[in-house]
PDB file of N, CA and C in Angstrom:
ATOM      1  N   MET A   1      -7.671   2.408  -7.250  1.00  0.00           N
ATOM      2  CA  MET A   1      -8.618   1.344  -7.979  1.00  0.00           C
ATOM      3  C   MET A   1      -8.353   1.858  -9.189  1.00  0.00           C
ATOM      4  N   ASP A   2      -8.140   0.830 -10.244  1.00  0.00           N
ATOM      5  CA  ASP A   2      -7.988   1.049 -11.506  1.00  0.00           C
ATOM      6  C   ASP A   2      -9.451   0.984 -12.459  1.00  0.00           C
ATOM      7  N   GLY A   3      -9.058   1.543 -13.228  1.00  0.00           N
ATOM      8  CA  GLY A   3     -10.373   1.995 -14.430  1.00  0.00           C
ATOM      9  C   GLY A   3     -11.267   0.710 -14.676  1.00  0.00           C
ATOM     10  N   LYS A   4     -10.659  -0.130 -14.746  1.00  0.00           N
ATOM     11  CA  LYS A   4     -11.123  -1.548 -15.341  1.00  0.00           C
ATOM     12  C   LYS A   4     -12.604  -2.205 -14.119  1.00  0.00           C
ATOM     13  N   THR A   5     -11.782  -2.184 -12.487  1.00  0.00           N
ATOM     14  CA  THR A   5     -11.886  -2.513 -11.479  1.00  0.00           C
ATOM     15  C   THR A   5     -13.624  -1.065 -11.632  1.00  0.00           C
ATOM     16  N   MET A   6     -13.190  -0.087 -11.617  1.00  0.00           N
ATOM     17  CA  MET A   6     -14.492   0.945 -11.472  1.00  0.00           C
ATOM     18  C   MET A   6     -15.207   0.890 -12.554  1.00  0.00           C
ATOM     19  N   GLY A   7     -14.959   0.068 -13.269  1.00  0.00           N
ATOM     20  CA  GLY A   7     -16.548   0.257 -14.657  1.00  0.00           C
ATOM     21  C   GLY A   7     -17.250  -1.516 -13.984  1.00  0.00           C
ATOM     22  N   LYS A   8     -16.684  -2.166 -13.630  1.00  0.00           N
ATOM     23  CA  LYS A   8     -16.963  -3.585 -13.020  1.00  0.00           C
ATOM     24  C   LYS A   8     -18.627  -3.107 -12.089  1.00  0.00           C
ATOM     25  N   PHE A   9     -17.317  -1.591 -11.369  1.00  0.00           N
ATOM     26  CA  PHE A   9     -18.986  -0.930  -9.717  1.00  0.00           C
ATOM     27  C   PHE A   9     -19.584  -0.039 -10.568  1.00  0.00           C
ATOM     28  N   GLN A  10     -19.355   0.355 -11.895  1.00  0.00           N
ATOM     29  CA  GLN A  10     -20.504   1.171 -12.529  1.00  0.00           C
ATOM     30  C   GLN A  10     -21.555   0.747 -12.811  1.00  0.00           C
ATOM     31  N   ALA A  11     -20.893  -0.354 -13.550  1.00  0.00           N
ATOM     32  CA  ALA A  11     -21.783  -1.568 -13.872  1.00  0.00           C
ATOM     33  C   ALA A  11     -22.817  -1.913 -12.951  1.00  0.00           C
ATOM     34  N   LEU A  12     -22.193  -2.417 -11.867  1.00  0.00           N
ATOM     35  CA  LEU A  12     -23.346  -2.457 -10.734  1.00  0.00           C
ATOM     36  C   LEU A  12     -24.185  -1.373 -10.433  1.00  0.00           C
ATOM     37  N   PHE A  13     -23.504  -0.095 -10.067  1.00  0.00           N
ATOM     38  CA  PHE A  13     -24.389   1.211  -9.883  1.00  0.00           C
ATOM     39  C   PHE A  13     -25.773   1.356 -10.642  1.00  0.00           C
ATOM     40  N   GLU A  14     -25.038   1.356 -12.497  1.00  0.00           N
ATOM     41  CA  GLU A  14     -26.574   1.132 -12.622  1.00  0.00           C
ATOM     42  C   GLU A  14     -27.285   0.393 -12.441  1.00  0.00           C
ATOM     43  N   ALA A  15     -27.224  -1.202 -12.842  1.00  0.00           N
ATOM     44  CA  ALA A  15     -28.048  -2.271 -12.030  1.00  0.00           C
ATOM     45  C   ALA A  15     -28.563  -1.895 -10.542  1.00  0.00           C
ATOM     46  N   THR A  16     -28.292  -0.956  -9.989  1.00  0.00           N
ATOM     47  CA  THR A  16     -29.512  -1.815  -8.763  1.00  0.00           C
ATOM     48  C   THR A  16     -29.964  -0.393  -8.578  1.00  0.00           C
ATOM     49  N   PRO A  17     -31.803  -1.111  -8.502  1.00  0.00           N
ATOM     50  CA  PRO A  17     -32.712  -0.730  -8.693  1.00  0.00           C
ATOM     51  C   PRO A  17     -32.746   0.738  -7.872  1.00  0.00           C
ATOM     52  N   PRO A  18     -33.557   1.745  -8.388  1.00  0.00           N
ATOM     53  CA  PRO A  18     -33.035   3.407  -7.661  1.00  0.00           C
ATOM     54  C   PRO A  18     -34.052   3.120  -6.742  1.00  0.00           C
ATOM     55  N   ASN A  19     -33.625   3.798  -5.591  1.00  0.00           N
ATOM     56  CA  ASN A  19     -34.505   3.631  -4.142  1.00  0.00           C
ATOM     57  C   ASN A  19     -33.969   4.846  -3.274  1.00  0.00           C
ATOM     58  N   ILE A  20     -35.218   5.034  -2.672  1.00  0.00           N
ATOM     59  CA  ILE A  20     -35.315   5.793  -2.049  1.00  0.00           C
ATOM     60  C   ILE A  20     -33.974   6.934  -0.862  1.00  0.00           C
ATOM     61  N   GLU A  21     -33.322   5.716  -0.200  1.00  0.00           N
ATOM     62  CA  GLU A  21     -32.157   6.024  -0.105  1.00  0.00           C
ATOM     63  C   GLU A  21     -31.360   5.613   0.078  1.00  0.00           C
ATOM     64  N   GLY A  22     -30.874   5.487  -1.140  1.00  0.00           N
ATOM     65  CA  GLY A  22     -29.803   5.929  -2.404  1.00  0.00           C
ATOM     66  C   GLY A  22     -28.051   4.719  -1.957  1.00  0.00           C
ATOM     67  N   LEU A  23     -29.039   3.832  -1.630  1.00  0.00           N
ATOM     68  CA  LEU A  23     -28.180   2.103  -1.360  1.00  0.00           C
ATOM     69  C   LEU A  23     -27.953   2.075  -2.509  1.00  0.00           C
ATOM     70  N   VAL A  24     -26.461   0.881  -2.544  1.00  0.00           N
ATOM     71  CA  VAL A  24     -25.564   0.354  -3.238  1.00  0.00           C
ATOM     72  C   VAL A  24     -26.405  -1.300  -3.425  1.00  0.00           C
ATOM     73  N   PHE A  25     -25.990  -1.178  -2.207  1.00  0.00           N
ATOM     74  CA  PHE A  25     -26.573  -3.181  -2.002  1.00  0.00           C
ATOM     75  C   PHE A  25     -28.062  -2.439  -0.923  1.00  0.00           C
ATOM     76  N   PHE A  26     -28.893  -2.201  -2.135  1.00  0.00           N
ATOM     77  CA  PHE A  26     -29.983  -2.144  -1.781  1.00  0.00           C
ATOM     78  C   PHE A  26     -30.888  -3.429  -1.315  1.00  0.00           C
ATOM     79  N   SER A  27     -31.683  -3.767  -0.636  1.00  0.00           N
ATOM     80  CA  SER A  27     -32.285  -5.154  -1.016  1.00  0.00           C
ATOM     81  C   SER A  27     -34.527  -4.329  -0.538  1.00  0.00           C
ATOM     82  N   PRO A  28     -35.293  -4.779  -1.269  1.00  0.00           N
ATOM     83  CA  PRO A  28     -36.591  -4.157  -0.418  1.00  0.00           C
ATOM     84  C   PRO A  28     -37.173  -5.609   0.026  1.00  0.00           C
ATOM     85  N   HIS A  29     -36.355  -6.494   0.128  1.00  0.00           N
ATOM     86  CA  HIS A  29     -37.031  -7.744   0.923  1.00  0.00           C
ATOM     87  C   HIS A  29     -36.653  -7.610   2.397  1.00  0.00           C
ATOM     88  N   ASN A  30     -35.631  -7.031   2.808  1.00  0.00           N
ATOM     89  CA  ASN A  30     -35.067  -7.095   3.578  1.00  0.00           C
ATOM     90  C   ASN A  30     -35.043  -5.975   4.861  1.00  0.00           C
ATOM     91  N   ALA A  31     -35.096  -6.135   6.411  1.00  0.00           N
ATOM     92  CA  ALA A  31     -36.143  -5.227   7.221  1.00  0.00           C
ATOM     93  C   ALA A  31     -35.601  -3.932   7.219  1.00  0.00           C
ATOM     94  N   HIS A  32     -34.397  -4.313   7.067  1.00  0.00           N
ATOM     95  CA  HIS A  32     -33.352  -2.594   7.136  1.00  0.00           C
ATOM     96  C   HIS A  32     -33.118  -2.050   5.897  1.00  0.00           C
ATOM     97  N   LYS A  33     -33.508  -3.431   4.753  1.00  0.00           N
ATOM     98  CA  LYS A  33     -33.671  -2.302   3.379  1.00  0.00           C
ATOM     99  C   LYS A  33     -31.767  -2.298   2.494  1.00  0.00           C
ATOM    100  N   VAL A  34     -31.152  -3.347   3.131  1.00  0.00           N
ATOM    101  CA  VAL A  34     -29.834  -3.259   2.663  1.00  0.00           C
ATOM    102  C   VAL A  34     -29.437  -4.613   2.612  1.00  0.00           C
ATOM    103  N   LEU A  35     -28.315  -5.496   1.623  1.00  0.00           N
ATOM    104  CA  LEU A  35     -28.298  -6.416   1.480  1.00  0.00           C
ATOM    105  C   LEU A  35     -27.875  -7.385   2.660  1.00  0.00           C
ATOM    106  N   THR A  36     -27.370  -7.798   3.529  1.00  0.00           N
ATOM    107  CA  THR A  36     -26.811  -8.909   4.778  1.00  0.00           C
ATOM    108  C   THR A  36     -25.380  -9.163   3.478  1.00  0.00           C
ATOM    109  N   ASN A  37     -24.330  -9.470   4.674  1.00  0.00           N
ATOM    110  CA  ASN A  37     -23.317  -9.529   4.005  1.00  0.00           C
ATOM    111  C   ASN A  37     -22.732 -10.573   3.134  1.00  0.00           C
ATOM    112  N   GLU A  38     -23.539 -11.764   3.877  1.00  0.00           N
ATOM    113  CA  GLU A  38     -23.440 -13.096   3.013  1.00  0.00           C
ATOM    114  C   GLU A  38     -23.864 -12.438   1.187  1.00  0.00           C
ATOM    115  N   ASN A  39     -24.725 -11.581   0.919  1.00  0.00           N
ATOM    116  CA  ASN A  39     -25.289 -11.220  -0.351  1.00  0.00           C
ATOM    117  C   ASN A  39     -23.798 -10.756  -0.981  1.00  0.00           C
ATOM    118  N   ALA A  40     -24.170  -8.942  -0.528  1.00  0.00           N
ATOM    119  CA  ALA A  40     -23.235  -8.364  -0.442  1.00  0.00           C
ATOM    120  C   ALA A  40     -21.522  -9.511  -1.101  1.00  0.00           C
ATOM    121  N   ASN A  41     -21.482  -9.412  -0.080  1.00  0.00           N
ATOM    122  CA  ASN A  41     -20.197 -10.579  -0.367  1.00  0.00           C
ATOM    123  C   ASN A  41     -19.808 -11.773  -1.722  1.00  0.00           C
ATOM    124  N   LYS A  42     -21.429 -12.395  -1.393  1.00  0.00           N
ATOM    125  CA  LYS A  42     -21.969 -12.701  -3.171  1.00  0.00           C
ATOM    126  C   LYS A  42     -21.426 -11.969  -4.330  1.00  0.00           C
ATOM    127  N   ILE A  43     -21.867 -11.483  -4.774  1.00  0.00           N
ATOM    128  CA  ILE A  43     -22.029 -10.127  -5.455  1.00  0.00           C
ATOM    129  C   ILE A  43     -20.230  -9.581  -5.898  1.00  0.00           C
ATOM    130  N   LEU A  44     -19.971  -9.625  -4.852  1.00  0.00           N
ATOM    131  CA  LEU A  44     -18.302  -8.554  -4.466  1.00  0.00           C
ATOM    132  C   LEU A  44     -17.643  -9.843  -4.924  1.00  0.00           C
ATOM    133  N   ARG A  45     -17.787 -11.272  -4.935  1.00  0.00           N
ATOM    134  CA  ARG A  45     -17.392 -12.208  -5.541  1.00  0.00           C
ATOM    135  C   ARG A  45     -17.181 -12.664  -7.280  1.00  0.00           C
ATOM    136  N   GLY A  46     -18.415 -12.451  -7.208  1.00  0.00           N
ATOM    137  CA  GLY A  46     -18.976 -12.580  -8.981  1.00  0.00           C
ATOM    138  C   GLY A  46     -18.295 -11.505  -9.470  1.00  0.00           C
ATOM    139  N   LEU A  47     -17.874  -9.986  -9.266  1.00  0.00           N
ATOM    140  CA  LEU A  47     -17.121  -9.557  -9.434  1.00  0.00           C
ATOM    141  C   LEU A  47     -15.870  -9.099 -10.287  1.00  0.00           C
ATOM    142  N   LEU A  48     -15.142  -9.811  -8.848  1.00  0.00           N
ATOM    143  CA  LEU A  48     -13.790 -10.592  -9.079  1.00  0.00           C
ATOM    144  C   LEU A  48     -13.315 -11.516  -9.519  1.00  0.00           C
ATOM    145  N   LYS A  49     -14.443 -12.516 -10.291  1.00  0.00           N
ATOM    146  CA  LYS A  49     -14.301 -13.650 -11.111  1.00  0.00           C
ATOM    147  C   LYS A  49     -14.268 -13.307 -12.472  1.00  0.00           C
ATOM    148  N   GLU A  50     -15.335 -12.723 -12.151  1.00  0.00           N
ATOM    149  CA  GLU A  50     -15.094 -11.458 -13.892  1.00  0.00           C
ATOM    150  C   GLU A  50     -13.950 -10.811 -14.334  1.00  0.00           C
ATOM    151  N   LEU A  51     -12.890  -9.954 -13.507  1.00  0.00           N
ATOM    152  CA  LEU A  51     -11.739  -9.746 -13.235  1.00  0.00           C
ATOM    153  C   LEU A  51     -11.183 -10.561 -13.709  1.00  0.00           C
ATOM    154  N   ARG A  52     -10.779 -11.953 -12.836  1.00  0.00           N
ATOM    155  CA  ARG A  52      -9.530 -12.186 -13.485  1.00  0.00           C
ATOM    156  C   ARG A  52      -9.931 -13.142 -14.543  1.00  0.00           C
ATOM    157  N   GLU A  53     -11.329 -13.392 -15.147  1.00  0.00           N
ATOM    158  CA  GLU A  53     -11.756 -14.120 -16.294  1.00  0.00           C
ATOM    159  C   GLU A  53     -10.988 -13.084 -17.560  1.00  0.00           C
ATOM    160  N   GLU A  54     -11.309 -11.848 -17.242  1.00  0.00           N
ATOM    161  CA  GLU A  54     -10.821 -10.913 -18.452  1.00  0.00           C
ATOM    162  C   GLU A  54      -9.151 -11.033 -17.947  1.00  0.00           C
ATOM    163  N   ASP A  55      -8.663 -10.350 -17.106  1.00  0.00           N
ATOM    164  CA  ASP A  55      -7.233 -10.566 -16.814  1.00  0.00           C
ATOM    165  C   ASP A  55      -6.699 -11.893 -17.686  1.00  0.00           C
ATOM    166  N   THR A  56      -6.999 -12.962 -17.569  1.00  0.00           N
ATOM    167  CA  THR A  56      -6.368 -14.113 -17.943  1.00  0.00           C
ATOM    168  C   THR A  56      -6.457 -14.399 -19.580  1.00  0.00           C
ATOM    169  N   LYS A  57      -7.836 -13.528 -19.436  1.00  0.00           N
ATOM    170  CA  LYS A  57      -8.350 -13.889 -21.781  1.00  0.00           C
ATOM    171  C   LYS A  57      -7.202 -12.887 -22.418  1.00  0.00           C
ATOM    172  N   ASN A  58      -7.124 -11.857 -21.704  1.00  0.00           N
ATOM    173  CA  ASN A  58      -6.128 -10.953 -22.161  1.00  0.00           C
ATOM    174  C   ASN A  58      -4.529 -11.281 -21.478  1.00  0.00           C
ATOM    175  N   ALA A  59      -4.656 -12.158 -20.730  1.00  0.00           N
ATOM    176  CA  ALA A  59      -2.972 -13.239 -20.893  1.00  0.00           C
ATOM    177  C   ALA A  59      -2.834 -13.636 -22.495  1.00  0.00           C
ATOM    178  N   VAL A  60      -3.564 -14.669 -22.436  1.00  0.00           N
ATOM    179  CA  VAL A  60      -4.205 -15.975 -23.862  1.00  0.00           C
ATOM    180  C   VAL A  60      -3.683 -14.579 -24.478  1.00  0.00           C
ATOM    181  N   ASP A  61      -4.556 -13.691 -24.827  1.00  0.00           N
ATOM    182  CA  ASP A  61      -4.412 -13.209 -25.949  1.00  0.00           C
ATOM    183  C   ASP A  61      -2.757 -12.571 -26.359  1.00  0.00           C
ATOM    184  N   ARG A  62      -2.571 -12.121 -25.421  1.00  0.00           N
ATOM    185  CA  ARG A  62      -0.937 -11.209 -25.556  1.00  0.00           C
ATOM    186  C   ARG A  62       0.098 -12.635 -25.391  1.00  0.00           C
ATOM    187  N   PHE A  63      -0.372 -13.512 -25.221  1.00  0.00           N
ATOM    188  CA  PHE A  63       1.132 -14.783 -25.424  1.00  0.00           C
ATOM    189  C   PHE A  63       0.644 -15.241 -26.951  1.00  0.00           C
ATOM    190  N   GLU A  64      -0.852 -15.385 -27.483  1.00  0.00           N
ATOM    191  CA  GLU A  64      -0.801 -15.638 -28.354  1.00  0.00           C
ATOM    192  C   GLU A  64      -0.565 -14.765 -29.271  1.00  0.00           C
ATOM    193  N   GLN A  65      -0.745 -13.396 -29.038  1.00  0.00           N
ATOM    194  CA  GLN A  65       0.454 -12.748 -29.942  1.00  0.00           C
ATOM    195  C   GLN A  65       1.503 -12.754 -30.312  1.00  0.00           C
ATOM    196  N   MET A  66       2.596 -12.675 -29.083  1.00  0.00           N
ATOM    197  CA  MET A  66       3.854 -13.225 -28.620  1.00  0.00           C
ATOM    198  C   MET A  66       4.111 -14.358 -29.762  1.00  0.00           C
ATOM    199  N   ASP A  67       3.368 -15.390 -29.952  1.00  0.00           N
ATOM    200  CA  ASP A  67       3.534 -16.410 -30.009  1.00  0.00           C
ATOM    201  C   ASP A  67       3.419 -16.394 -31.671  1.00  0.00           C
ATOM    202  N   ASN A  68       2.634 -15.801 -32.556  1.00  0.00           N
ATOM    203  CA  ASN A  68       2.545 -15.496 -34.089  1.00  0.00           C
ATOM    204  C   ASN A  68       3.694 -14.268 -34.628  1.00  0.00           C
ATOM    205  N   VAL A  69       4.738 -13.628 -34.190  1.00  0.00           N
ATOM    206  CA  VAL A  69       5.563 -12.888 -34.043  1.00  0.00           C
ATOM    207  C   VAL A  69       6.785 -13.574 -34.616  1.00  0.00           C
TER     208      VAL A  69
END
């Protein structure tokens, strides 16, 4: 895992409310105290989308810098 991806996960870990079980995908509303696979996948898809958008923006920025040389 690269640093950028780990940074996204670190932000996710920090945004997760503290819980006695120490779970990352914690849900106080679920009987088992964890997110369903569907909800966990939704969060992971969101992280992937953010990473892709950042990569696209970085690629465009590099292209524009090359064009200005």
